[in-house]
Amino acid sequence: MKTFILMTKLSPEISKHLKERAQLGRSWLEQVKKKCPEVKFISHYALLGPYDFLDIYEAPDEETAAKVSLISMSNGAFQAESLTAIPYKRFLELVKEVEEKVSIIV
């Protein structure tokens, strides 16, 4: 499974309904579970800043991650940005692989 980060900004209209936020969030999560049952959520955060929420989750591929973003957009997100996350240990392995290939060429 690959790790993805979803950054979500709510639409101004949805933001007016803070009293219903918990129900809206549950509804969104139920839709994700129904349409993308293989997705495993790791963390969910409310943010201060340009985005309202950050979700870290695992999915088998980019197409599934796109579905999660599209479900967010269809549930009142003004903006939903999905990012691929590489575990730091794997990133260091990639750096080592690149350095080895560069030294072979030089």
PDB file of N, CA and C in Angstrom:
ATOM      1  N   MET A   1       0.839  -1.182   0.000  1.00  0.00           N
ATOM      2  CA  MET A   1       0.000   0.000   0.000  1.00  0.00           C
ATOM      3  C   MET A   1       0.885   1.245   0.000  1.00  0.00           C
ATOM      4  N   LYS A   2       0.433   2.252  -0.707  1.00  0.00           N
ATOM      5  CA  LYS A   2       1.138   3.519  -0.770  1.00  0.00           C
ATOM      6  C   LYS A   2       0.510   4.490   0.229  1.00  0.00           C
ATOM      7  N   THR A   3       1.312   5.448   0.686  1.00  0.00           N
ATOM      8  CA  THR A   3       0.826   6.455   1.626  1.00  0.00           C
ATOM      9  C   THR A   3       0.499   7.736   0.873  1.00  0.00           C
ATOM     10  N   PHE A   4      -0.641   8.327   1.205  1.00  0.00           N
ATOM     11  CA  PHE A   4      -1.090   9.568   0.583  1.00  0.00           C
ATOM     12  C   PHE A   4      -1.499  10.560   1.659  1.00  0.00           C
ATOM     13  N   ILE A   5      -1.409  11.830   1.296  1.00  0.00           N
ATOM     14  CA  ILE A   5      -1.857  12.921   2.165  1.00  0.00           C
ATOM     15  C   ILE A   5      -2.918  13.693   1.406  1.00  0.00           C
ATOM     16  N   LEU A   6      -4.040  13.928   2.060  1.00  0.00           N
ATOM     17  CA  LEU A   6      -5.123  14.704   1.472  1.00  0.00           C
ATOM     18  C   LEU A   6      -5.243  16.014   2.230  1.00  0.00           C
ATOM     19  N   MET A   7      -5.063  17.111   1.522  1.00  0.00           N
ATOM     20  CA  MET A   7      -5.224  18.449   2.094  1.00  0.00           C
ATOM     21  C   MET A   7      -6.566  18.987   1.584  1.00  0.00           C
ATOM     22  N   THR A   8      -7.454  19.358   2.492  1.00  0.00           N
ATOM     23  CA  THR A   8      -8.792  19.766   2.104  1.00  0.00           C
ATOM     24  C   THR A   8      -9.123  21.160   2.628  1.00  0.00           C
ATOM     25  N   LYS A   9      -9.697  21.952   1.762  1.00  0.00           N
ATOM     26  CA  LYS A   9     -10.226  23.269   2.136  1.00  0.00           C
ATOM     27  C   LYS A   9     -11.726  23.242   1.849  1.00  0.00           C
ATOM     28  N   LEU A  10     -12.511  23.538   2.866  1.00  0.00           N
ATOM     29  CA  LEU A  10     -13.959  23.519   2.715  1.00  0.00           C
ATOM     30  C   LEU A  10     -14.448  24.730   1.940  1.00  0.00           C
ATOM     31  N   SER A  11     -15.560  24.561   1.269  1.00  0.00           N
ATOM     32  CA  SER A  11     -16.174  25.694   0.573  1.00  0.00           C
ATOM     33  C   SER A  11     -16.730  26.659   1.610  1.00  0.00           C
ATOM     34  N   PRO A  12     -16.838  27.939   1.273  1.00  0.00           N
ATOM     35  CA  PRO A  12     -17.409  28.905   2.215  1.00  0.00           C
ATOM     36  C   PRO A  12     -18.818  28.501   2.662  1.00  0.00           C
ATOM     37  N   GLU A  13     -19.602  27.910   1.772  1.00  0.00           N
ATOM     38  CA  GLU A  13     -20.968  27.501   2.126  1.00  0.00           C
ATOM     39  C   GLU A  13     -20.957  26.398   3.182  1.00  0.00           C
ATOM     40  N   ILE A  14     -20.116  25.394   2.989  1.00  0.00           N
ATOM     41  CA  ILE A  14     -20.026  24.288   3.957  1.00  0.00           C
ATOM     42  C   ILE A  14     -19.451  24.795   5.280  1.00  0.00           C
ATOM     43  N   SER A  15     -18.538  25.744   5.223  1.00  0.00           N
ATOM     44  CA  SER A  15     -17.924  26.280   6.437  1.00  0.00           C
ATOM     45  C   SER A  15     -18.947  26.965   7.341  1.00  0.00           C
ATOM     46  N   LYS A  16     -20.056  27.390   6.790  1.00  0.00           N
ATOM     47  CA  LYS A  16     -21.108  28.037   7.589  1.00  0.00           C
ATOM     48  C   LYS A  16     -21.855  27.037   8.466  1.00  0.00           C
ATOM     49  N   HIS A  17     -21.676  25.761   8.220  1.00  0.00           N
ATOM     50  CA  HIS A  17     -22.426  24.725   8.926  1.00  0.00           C
ATOM     51  C   HIS A  17     -21.536  23.974   9.926  1.00  0.00           C
ATOM     52  N   LEU A  18     -20.825  24.705  10.781  1.00  0.00           N
ATOM     53  CA  LEU A  18     -19.910  24.071  11.727  1.00  0.00           C
ATOM     54  C   LEU A  18     -20.639  23.170  12.716  1.00  0.00           C
ATOM     55  N   LYS A  19     -21.880  23.495  13.051  1.00  0.00           N
ATOM     56  CA  LYS A  19     -22.638  22.666  13.988  1.00  0.00           C
ATOM     57  C   LYS A  19     -22.867  21.264  13.424  1.00  0.00           C
ATOM     58  N   GLU A  20     -22.878  21.155  12.108  1.00  0.00           N
ATOM     59  CA  GLU A  20     -23.118  19.873  11.446  1.00  0.00           C
ATOM     60  C   GLU A  20     -21.815  19.199  11.019  1.00  0.00           C
ATOM     61  N   ARG A  21     -20.676  19.744  11.424  1.00  0.00           N
ATOM     62  CA  ARG A  21     -19.375  19.273  10.960  1.00  0.00           C
ATOM     63  C   ARG A  21     -19.159  17.784  11.243  1.00  0.00           C
ATOM     64  N   ALA A  22     -19.510  17.322  12.432  1.00  0.00           N
ATOM     65  CA  ALA A  22     -19.288  15.921  12.781  1.00  0.00           C
ATOM     66  C   ALA A  22     -20.094  15.004  11.861  1.00  0.00           C
ATOM     67  N   GLN A  23     -21.361  15.340  11.632  1.00  0.00           N
ATOM     68  CA  GLN A  23     -22.203  14.515  10.758  1.00  0.00           C
ATOM     69  C   GLN A  23     -21.689  14.541   9.315  1.00  0.00           C
ATOM     70  N   LEU A  24     -21.281  15.711   8.835  1.00  0.00           N
ATOM     71  CA  LEU A  24     -20.744  15.822   7.478  1.00  0.00           C
ATOM     72  C   LEU A  24     -19.480  14.972   7.327  1.00  0.00           C
ATOM     73  N   GLY A  25     -18.643  15.005   8.342  1.00  0.00           N
ATOM     74  CA  GLY A  25     -17.414  14.207   8.317  1.00  0.00           C
ATOM     75  C   GLY A  25     -17.700  12.713   8.314  1.00  0.00           C
ATOM     76  N   ARG A  26     -18.666  12.287   9.134  1.00  0.00           N
ATOM     77  CA  ARG A  26     -19.037  10.861   9.161  1.00  0.00           C
ATOM     78  C   ARG A  26     -19.599  10.416   7.814  1.00  0.00           C
ATOM     79  N   SER A  27     -20.426  11.268   7.214  1.00  0.00           N
ATOM     80  CA  SER A  27     -21.016  10.951   5.915  1.00  0.00           C
ATOM     81  C   SER A  27     -19.925  10.788   4.856  1.00  0.00           C
ATOM     82  N   TRP A  28     -18.954  11.718   4.856  1.00  0.00           N
ATOM     83  CA  TRP A  28     -17.835  11.634   3.920  1.00  0.00           C
ATOM     84  C   TRP A  28     -17.064  10.327   4.111  1.00  0.00           C
ATOM     85  N   LEU A  29     -16.762   9.997   5.373  1.00  0.00           N
ATOM     86  CA  LEU A  29     -15.993   8.790   5.663  1.00  0.00           C
ATOM     87  C   LEU A  29     -16.756   7.537   5.239  1.00  0.00           C
ATOM     88  N   GLU A  30     -18.056   7.506   5.457  1.00  0.00           N
ATOM     89  CA  GLU A  30     -18.873   6.362   5.033  1.00  0.00           C
ATOM     90  C   GLU A  30     -18.818   6.194   3.512  1.00  0.00           C
ATOM     91  N   GLN A  31     -18.865   7.299   2.789  1.00  0.00           N
ATOM     92  CA  GLN A  31     -18.786   7.225   1.327  1.00  0.00           C
ATOM     93  C   GLN A  31     -17.435   6.693   0.876  1.00  0.00           C
ATOM     94  N   VAL A  32     -16.367   7.155   1.517  1.00  0.00           N
ATOM     95  CA  VAL A  32     -15.027   6.674   1.167  1.00  0.00           C
ATOM     96  C   VAL A  32     -14.936   5.170   1.442  1.00  0.00           C
ATOM     97  N   LYS A  33     -15.426   4.743   2.604  1.00  0.00           N
ATOM     98  CA  LYS A  33     -15.360   3.318   2.946  1.00  0.00           C
ATOM     99  C   LYS A  33     -16.159   2.462   1.964  1.00  0.00           C
ATOM    100  N   LYS A  34     -17.300   2.983   1.521  1.00  0.00           N
ATOM    101  CA  LYS A  34     -18.144   2.236   0.589  1.00  0.00           C
ATOM    102  C   LYS A  34     -17.512   2.160  -0.803  1.00  0.00           C
ATOM    103  N   LYS A  35     -16.984   3.281  -1.288  1.00  0.00           N
ATOM    104  CA  LYS A  35     -16.465   3.339  -2.653  1.00  0.00           C
ATOM    105  C   LYS A  35     -14.990   2.949  -2.768  1.00  0.00           C
ATOM    106  N   CYS A  36     -14.282   3.008  -1.648  1.00  0.00           N
ATOM    107  CA  CYS A  36     -12.851   2.671  -1.630  1.00  0.00           C
ATOM    108  C   CYS A  36     -12.557   1.838  -0.379  1.00  0.00           C
ATOM    109  N   PRO A  37     -13.103   0.625  -0.290  1.00  0.00           N
ATOM    110  CA  PRO A  37     -12.964  -0.161   0.947  1.00  0.00           C
ATOM    111  C   PRO A  37     -11.521  -0.521   1.306  1.00  0.00           C
ATOM    112  N   GLU A  38     -10.625  -0.464   0.340  1.00  0.00           N
ATOM    113  CA  GLU A  38      -9.232  -0.813   0.599  1.00  0.00           C
ATOM    114  C   GLU A  38      -8.440   0.319   1.259  1.00  0.00           C
ATOM    115  N   VAL A  39      -9.017   1.522   1.333  1.00  0.00           N
ATOM    116  CA  VAL A  39      -8.331   2.670   1.942  1.00  0.00           C
ATOM    117  C   VAL A  39      -8.279   2.493   3.461  1.00  0.00           C
ATOM    118  N   LYS A  40      -7.107   2.761   4.024  1.00  0.00           N
ATOM    119  CA  LYS A  40      -6.912   2.677   5.479  1.00  0.00           C
ATOM    120  C   LYS A  40      -6.451   4.048   5.976  1.00  0.00           C
ATOM    121  N   PHE A  41      -7.276   4.693   6.807  1.00  0.00           N
ATOM    122  CA  PHE A  41      -6.908   5.997   7.338  1.00  0.00           C
ATOM    123  C   PHE A  41      -5.969   5.846   8.518  1.00  0.00           C
ATOM    124  N   ILE A  42      -4.932   6.664   8.515  1.00  0.00           N
ATOM    125  CA  ILE A  42      -3.916   6.631   9.563  1.00  0.00           C
ATOM    126  C   ILE A  42      -4.128   7.776  10.548  1.00  0.00           C
ATOM    127  N   SER A  43      -4.364   9.001  10.026  1.00  0.00           N
ATOM    128  CA  SER A  43      -4.534  10.185  10.883  1.00  0.00           C
ATOM    129  C   SER A  43      -5.458  11.185  10.212  1.00  0.00           C
ATOM    130  N   HIS A  44      -6.117  11.990  11.041  1.00  0.00           N
ATOM    131  CA  HIS A  44      -6.995  13.061  10.559  1.00  0.00           C
ATOM    132  C   HIS A  44      -6.767  14.264  11.469  1.00  0.00           C
ATOM    133  N   TYR A  45      -6.487  15.420  10.868  1.00  0.00           N
ATOM    134  CA  TYR A  45      -6.206  16.629  11.635  1.00  0.00           C
ATOM    135  C   TYR A  45      -7.025  17.801  11.113  1.00  0.00           C
ATOM    136  N   ALA A  46      -7.483  18.640  12.019  1.00  0.00           N
ATOM    137  CA  ALA A  46      -8.033  19.945  11.662  1.00  0.00           C
ATOM    138  C   ALA A  46      -6.852  20.910  11.701  1.00  0.00           C
ATOM    139  N   LEU A  47      -6.789  21.826  10.739  1.00  0.00           N
ATOM    140  CA  LEU A  47      -5.623  22.702  10.601  1.00  0.00           C
ATOM    141  C   LEU A  47      -5.983  24.170  10.779  1.00  0.00           C
ATOM    142  N   LEU A  48      -4.998  24.926  11.155  1.00  0.00           N
ATOM    143  CA  LEU A  48      -5.070  26.388  11.134  1.00  0.00           C
ATOM    144  C   LEU A  48      -4.179  26.818   9.980  1.00  0.00           C
ATOM    145  N   GLY A  49      -4.714  27.543   9.037  1.00  0.00           N
ATOM    146  CA  GLY A  49      -3.924  27.930   7.873  1.00  0.00           C
ATOM    147  C   GLY A  49      -4.750  27.846   6.615  1.00  0.00           C
ATOM    148  N   PRO A  50      -4.094  27.718   5.467  1.00  0.00           N
ATOM    149  CA  PRO A  50      -4.829  27.748   4.196  1.00  0.00           C
ATOM    150  C   PRO A  50      -5.724  26.528   3.964  1.00  0.00           C
ATOM    151  N   TYR A  51      -5.456  25.404   4.617  1.00  0.00           N
ATOM    152  CA  TYR A  51      -6.294  24.217   4.494  1.00  0.00           C
ATOM    153  C   TYR A  51      -7.036  23.981   5.805  1.00  0.00           C
ATOM    154  N   ASP A  52      -8.180  23.322   5.725  1.00  0.00           N
ATOM    155  CA  ASP A  52      -8.984  23.039   6.914  1.00  0.00           C
ATOM    156  C   ASP A  52      -8.668  21.682   7.529  1.00  0.00           C
ATOM    157  N   PHE A  53      -8.353  20.692   6.676  1.00  0.00           N
ATOM    158  CA  PHE A  53      -8.106  19.341   7.173  1.00  0.00           C
ATOM    159  C   PHE A  53      -6.944  18.689   6.440  1.00  0.00           C
ATOM    160  N   LEU A  54      -6.286  17.766   7.153  1.00  0.00           N
ATOM    161  CA  LEU A  54      -5.219  16.950   6.593  1.00  0.00           C
ATOM    162  C   LEU A  54      -5.504  15.511   6.983  1.00  0.00           C
ATOM    163  N   ASP A  55      -5.527  14.639   5.989  1.00  0.00           N
ATOM    164  CA  ASP A  55      -5.711  13.213   6.235  1.00  0.00           C
ATOM    165  C   ASP A  55      -4.511  12.454   5.697  1.00  0.00           C
ATOM    166  N   ILE A  56      -4.036  11.517   6.475  1.00  0.00           N
ATOM    167  CA  ILE A  56      -2.972  10.622   6.033  1.00  0.00           C
ATOM    168  C   ILE A  56      -3.603   9.241   5.923  1.00  0.00           C
ATOM    169  N   TYR A  57      -3.442   8.623   4.751  1.00  0.00           N
ATOM    170  CA  TYR A  57      -4.072   7.330   4.546  1.00  0.00           C
ATOM    171  C   TYR A  57      -3.256   6.474   3.593  1.00  0.00           C
ATOM    172  N   GLU A  58      -3.558   5.202   3.590  1.00  0.00           N
ATOM    173  CA  GLU A  58      -2.917   4.266   2.672  1.00  0.00           C
ATOM    174  C   GLU A  58      -3.942   3.813   1.649  1.00  0.00           C
ATOM    175  N   ALA A  59      -3.483   3.692   0.417  1.00  0.00           N
ATOM    176  CA  ALA A  59      -4.316   3.225  -0.681  1.00  0.00           C
ATOM    177  C   ALA A  59      -3.434   2.419  -1.625  1.00  0.00           C
ATOM    178  N   PRO A  60      -4.035   1.523  -2.394  1.00  0.00           N
ATOM    179  CA  PRO A  60      -3.215   0.684  -3.268  1.00  0.00           C
ATOM    180  C   PRO A  60      -2.583   1.421  -4.448  1.00  0.00           C
ATOM    181  N   ASP A  61      -3.208   2.540  -4.884  1.00  0.00           N
ATOM    182  CA  ASP A  61      -2.689   3.213  -6.075  1.00  0.00           C
ATOM    183  C   ASP A  61      -3.219   4.646  -6.175  1.00  0.00           C
ATOM    184  N   GLU A  62      -2.696   5.363  -7.164  1.00  0.00           N
ATOM    185  CA  GLU A  62      -3.057   6.763  -7.369  1.00  0.00           C
ATOM    186  C   GLU A  62      -4.518   6.929  -7.784  1.00  0.00           C
ATOM    187  N   GLU A  63      -5.066   5.968  -8.501  1.00  0.00           N
ATOM    188  CA  GLU A  63      -6.462   6.063  -8.920  1.00  0.00           C
ATOM    189  C   GLU A  63      -7.399   6.021  -7.721  1.00  0.00           C
ATOM    190  N   THR A  64      -7.083   5.187  -6.752  1.00  0.00           N
ATOM    191  CA  THR A  64      -7.887   5.135  -5.530  1.00  0.00           C
ATOM    192  C   THR A  64      -7.757   6.449  -4.768  1.00  0.00           C
ATOM    193  N   ALA A  65      -6.550   6.998  -4.706  1.00  0.00           N
ATOM    194  CA  ALA A  65      -6.338   8.287  -4.043  1.00  0.00           C
ATOM    195  C   ALA A  65      -7.136   9.385  -4.747  1.00  0.00           C
ATOM    196  N   ALA A  66      -7.208   9.320  -6.056  1.00  0.00           N
ATOM    197  CA  ALA A  66      -8.002  10.290  -6.814  1.00  0.00           C
ATOM    198  C   ALA A  66      -9.474  10.178  -6.441  1.00  0.00           C
ATOM    199  N   LYS A  67      -9.966   8.964  -6.246  1.00  0.00           N
ATOM    200  CA  LYS A  67     -11.360   8.778  -5.833  1.00  0.00           C
ATOM    201  C   LYS A  67     -11.622   9.440  -4.482  1.00  0.00           C
ATOM    202  N   VAL A  68     -10.676   9.294  -3.546  1.00  0.00           N
ATOM    203  CA  VAL A  68     -10.837   9.916  -2.228  1.00  0.00           C
ATOM    204  C   VAL A  68     -10.949  11.429  -2.389  1.00  0.00           C
ATOM    205  N   SER A  69     -10.114  12.014  -3.228  1.00  0.00           N
ATOM    206  CA  SER A  69     -10.179  13.464  -3.487  1.00  0.00           C
ATOM    207  C   SER A  69     -11.513  13.847  -4.130  1.00  0.00           C
ATOM    208  N   LEU A  70     -11.954  13.058  -5.096  1.00  0.00           N
ATOM    209  CA  LEU A  70     -13.217  13.357  -5.772  1.00  0.00           C
ATOM    210  C   LEU A  70     -14.406  13.254  -4.826  1.00  0.00           C
ATOM    211  N   ILE A  71     -14.368  12.289  -3.924  1.00  0.00           N
ATOM    212  CA  ILE A  71     -15.434  12.181  -2.919  1.00  0.00           C
ATOM    213  C   ILE A  71     -15.426  13.419  -2.031  1.00  0.00           C
ATOM    214  N   SER A  72     -14.255  13.909  -1.691  1.00  0.00           N
ATOM    215  CA  SER A  72     -14.145  15.133  -0.892  1.00  0.00           C
ATOM    216  C   SER A  72     -14.755  16.322  -1.627  1.00  0.00           C
ATOM    217  N   MET A  73     -14.435  16.427  -2.907  1.00  0.00           N
ATOM    218  CA  MET A  73     -14.965  17.535  -3.714  1.00  0.00           C
ATOM    219  C   MET A  73     -16.487  17.451  -3.830  1.00  0.00           C
ATOM    220  N   SER A  74     -17.013  16.239  -3.935  1.00  0.00           N
ATOM    221  CA  SER A  74     -18.461  16.088  -4.065  1.00  0.00           C
ATOM    222  C   SER A  74     -19.187  16.288  -2.740  1.00  0.00           C
ATOM    223  N   ASN A  75     -18.423  16.413  -1.651  1.00  0.00           N
ATOM    224  CA  ASN A  75     -19.021  16.616  -0.332  1.00  0.00           C
ATOM    225  C   ASN A  75     -18.725  17.999   0.236  1.00  0.00           C
ATOM    226  N   GLY A  76     -18.465  18.956  -0.632  1.00  0.00           N
ATOM    227  CA  GLY A  76     -18.333  20.329  -0.174  1.00  0.00           C
ATOM    228  C   GLY A  76     -16.931  20.865  -0.022  1.00  0.00           C
ATOM    229  N   ALA A  77     -15.934  20.099  -0.429  1.00  0.00           N
ATOM    230  CA  ALA A  77     -14.578  20.632  -0.387  1.00  0.00           C
ATOM    231  C   ALA A  77     -14.406  21.607  -1.541  1.00  0.00           C
ATOM    232  N   PHE A  78     -13.904  22.777  -1.236  1.00  0.00           N
ATOM    233  CA  PHE A  78     -13.610  23.780  -2.245  1.00  0.00           C
ATOM    234  C   PHE A  78     -12.339  23.388  -2.989  1.00  0.00           C
ATOM    235  N   GLN A  79     -11.432  22.739  -2.257  1.00  0.00           N
ATOM    236  CA  GLN A  79     -10.160  22.306  -2.813  1.00  0.00           C
ATOM    237  C   GLN A  79      -9.755  21.023  -2.108  1.00  0.00           C
ATOM    238  N   ALA A  80      -9.282  20.045  -2.862  1.00  0.00           N
ATOM    239  CA  ALA A  80      -8.774  18.793  -2.306  1.00  0.00           C
ATOM    240  C   ALA A  80      -7.501  18.451  -3.063  1.00  0.00           C
ATOM    241  N   GLU A  81      -6.399  18.429  -2.352  1.00  0.00           N
ATOM    242  CA  GLU A  81      -5.098  18.179  -2.968  1.00  0.00           C
ATOM    243  C   GLU A  81      -4.519  16.885  -2.396  1.00  0.00           C
ATOM    244  N   SER A  82      -4.240  15.941  -3.262  1.00  0.00           N
ATOM    245  CA  SER A  82      -3.656  14.669  -2.834  1.00  0.00           C
ATOM    246  C   SER A  82      -2.166  14.659  -3.145  1.00  0.00           C
ATOM    247  N   LEU A  83      -1.400  14.205  -2.191  1.00  0.00           N
ATOM    248  CA  LEU A  83       0.048  14.137  -2.331  1.00  0.00           C
ATOM    249  C   LEU A  83       0.509  12.715  -2.048  1.00  0.00           C
ATOM    250  N   THR A  84       1.503  12.264  -2.791  1.00  0.00           N
ATOM    251  CA  THR A  84       2.124  10.974  -2.508  1.00  0.00           C
ATOM    252  C   THR A  84       3.185  11.194  -1.436  1.00  0.00           C
ATOM    253  N   ALA A  85       3.204  10.324  -0.446  1.00  0.00           N
ATOM    254  CA  ALA A  85       4.188  10.427   0.634  1.00  0.00           C
ATOM    255  C   ALA A  85       5.109   9.206   0.586  1.00  0.00           C
ATOM    256  N   ILE A  86       6.402   9.456   0.602  1.00  0.00           N
ATOM    257  CA  ILE A  86       7.390   8.376   0.596  1.00  0.00           C
ATOM    258  C   ILE A  86       7.956   8.271   2.009  1.00  0.00           C
ATOM    259  N   PRO A  87       7.920   7.095   2.610  1.00  0.00           N
ATOM    260  CA  PRO A  87       8.517   6.953   3.945  1.00  0.00           C
ATOM    261  C   PRO A  87       9.982   7.414   3.921  1.00  0.00           C
ATOM    262  N   TYR A  88      10.392   8.086   4.988  1.00  0.00           N
ATOM    263  CA  TYR A  88      11.723   8.687   5.013  1.00  0.00           C
ATOM    264  C   TYR A  88      12.828   7.659   4.793  1.00  0.00           C
ATOM    265  N   LYS A  89      12.686   6.484   5.384  1.00  0.00           N
ATOM    266  CA  LYS A  89      13.707   5.444   5.208  1.00  0.00           C
ATOM    267  C   LYS A  89      13.845   5.077   3.724  1.00  0.00           C
ATOM    268  N   ARG A  90      12.725   4.947   3.038  1.00  0.00           N
ATOM    269  CA  ARG A  90      12.765   4.639   1.603  1.00  0.00           C
ATOM    270  C   ARG A  90      13.376   5.797   0.817  1.00  0.00           C
ATOM    271  N   PHE A  91      13.069   7.029   1.213  1.00  0.00           N
ATOM    272  CA  PHE A  91      13.648   8.207   0.572  1.00  0.00           C
ATOM    273  C   PHE A  91      15.180   8.164   0.655  1.00  0.00           C
ATOM    274  N   LEU A  92      15.700   7.810   1.828  1.00  0.00           N
ATOM    275  CA  LEU A  92      17.158   7.719   1.994  1.00  0.00           C
ATOM    276  C   LEU A  92      17.744   6.630   1.102  1.00  0.00           C
ATOM    277  N   GLU A  93      17.013   5.534   0.929  1.00  0.00           N
ATOM    278  CA  GLU A  93      17.465   4.481   0.020  1.00  0.00           C
ATOM    279  C   GLU A  93      17.523   5.002  -1.416  1.00  0.00           C
ATOM    280  N   LEU A  94      16.534   5.788  -1.810  1.00  0.00           N
ATOM    281  CA  LEU A  94      16.519   6.375  -3.157  1.00  0.00           C
ATOM    282  C   LEU A  94      17.697   7.323  -3.354  1.00  0.00           C
ATOM    283  N   VAL A  95      17.995   8.114  -2.335  1.00  0.00           N
ATOM    284  CA  VAL A  95      19.146   9.024  -2.410  1.00  0.00           C
ATOM    285  C   VAL A  95      20.425   8.225  -2.624  1.00  0.00           C
ATOM    286  N   LYS A  96      20.561   7.148  -1.887  1.00  0.00           N
ATOM    287  CA  LYS A  96      21.753   6.302  -2.020  1.00  0.00           C
ATOM    288  C   LYS A  96      21.843   5.705  -3.429  1.00  0.00           C
ATOM    289  N   GLU A  97      20.715   5.244  -3.964  1.00  0.00           N
ATOM    290  CA  GLU A  97      20.697   4.686  -5.316  1.00  0.00           C
ATOM    291  C   GLU A  97      21.123   5.737  -6.345  1.00  0.00           C
ATOM    292  N   VAL A  98      20.637   6.955  -6.199  1.00  0.00           N
ATOM    293  CA  VAL A  98      20.981   8.020  -7.132  1.00  0.00           C
ATOM    294  C   VAL A  98      22.463   8.348  -7.017  1.00  0.00           C
ATOM    295  N   GLU A  99      22.976   8.449  -5.804  1.00  0.00           N
ATOM    296  CA  GLU A  99      24.394   8.761  -5.615  1.00  0.00           C
ATOM    297  C   GLU A  99      25.272   7.683  -6.232  1.00  0.00           C
ATOM    298  N   GLU A 100      24.878   6.405  -6.079  1.00  0.00           N
ATOM    299  CA  GLU A 100      25.659   5.313  -6.654  1.00  0.00           C
ATOM    300  C   GLU A 100      25.686   5.396  -8.176  1.00  0.00           C
ATOM    301  N   LYS A 101      24.570   5.713  -8.772  1.00  0.00           N
ATOM    302  CA  LYS A 101      24.496   5.813 -10.234  1.00  0.00           C
ATOM    303  C   LYS A 101      25.295   7.003 -10.742  1.00  0.00           C
ATOM    304  N   VAL A 102      25.282   8.111 -10.016  1.00  0.00           N
ATOM    305  CA  VAL A 102      26.038   9.287 -10.419  1.00  0.00           C
ATOM    306  C   VAL A 102      27.533   9.012 -10.348  1.00  0.00           C
ATOM    307  N   SER A 103      27.995   8.324  -9.307  1.00  0.00           N
ATOM    308  CA  SER A 103      29.427   8.049  -9.182  1.00  0.00           C
ATOM    309  C   SER A 103      29.901   7.068 -10.239  1.00  0.00           C
ATOM    310  N   ILE A 104      29.021   6.184 -10.718  1.00  0.00           N
ATOM    311  CA  ILE A 104      29.381   5.259 -11.793  1.00  0.00           C
ATOM    312  C   ILE A 104      29.582   6.018 -13.105  1.00  0.00           C
ATOM    313  N   ILE A 105      28.749   7.014 -13.353  1.00  0.00           N
ATOM    314  CA  ILE A 105      28.809   7.790 -14.586  1.00  0.00           C
ATOM    315  C   ILE A 105      30.048   8.690 -14.607  1.00  0.00           C
ATOM    316  N   VAL A 106      30.400   9.277 -13.476  1.00  0.00           N
ATOM    317  CA  VAL A 106      31.498  10.230 -13.402  1.00  0.00           C
ATOM    318  C   VAL A 106      32.786   9.543 -13.495  1.00  0.00           C
TER     319      VAL A 106
END
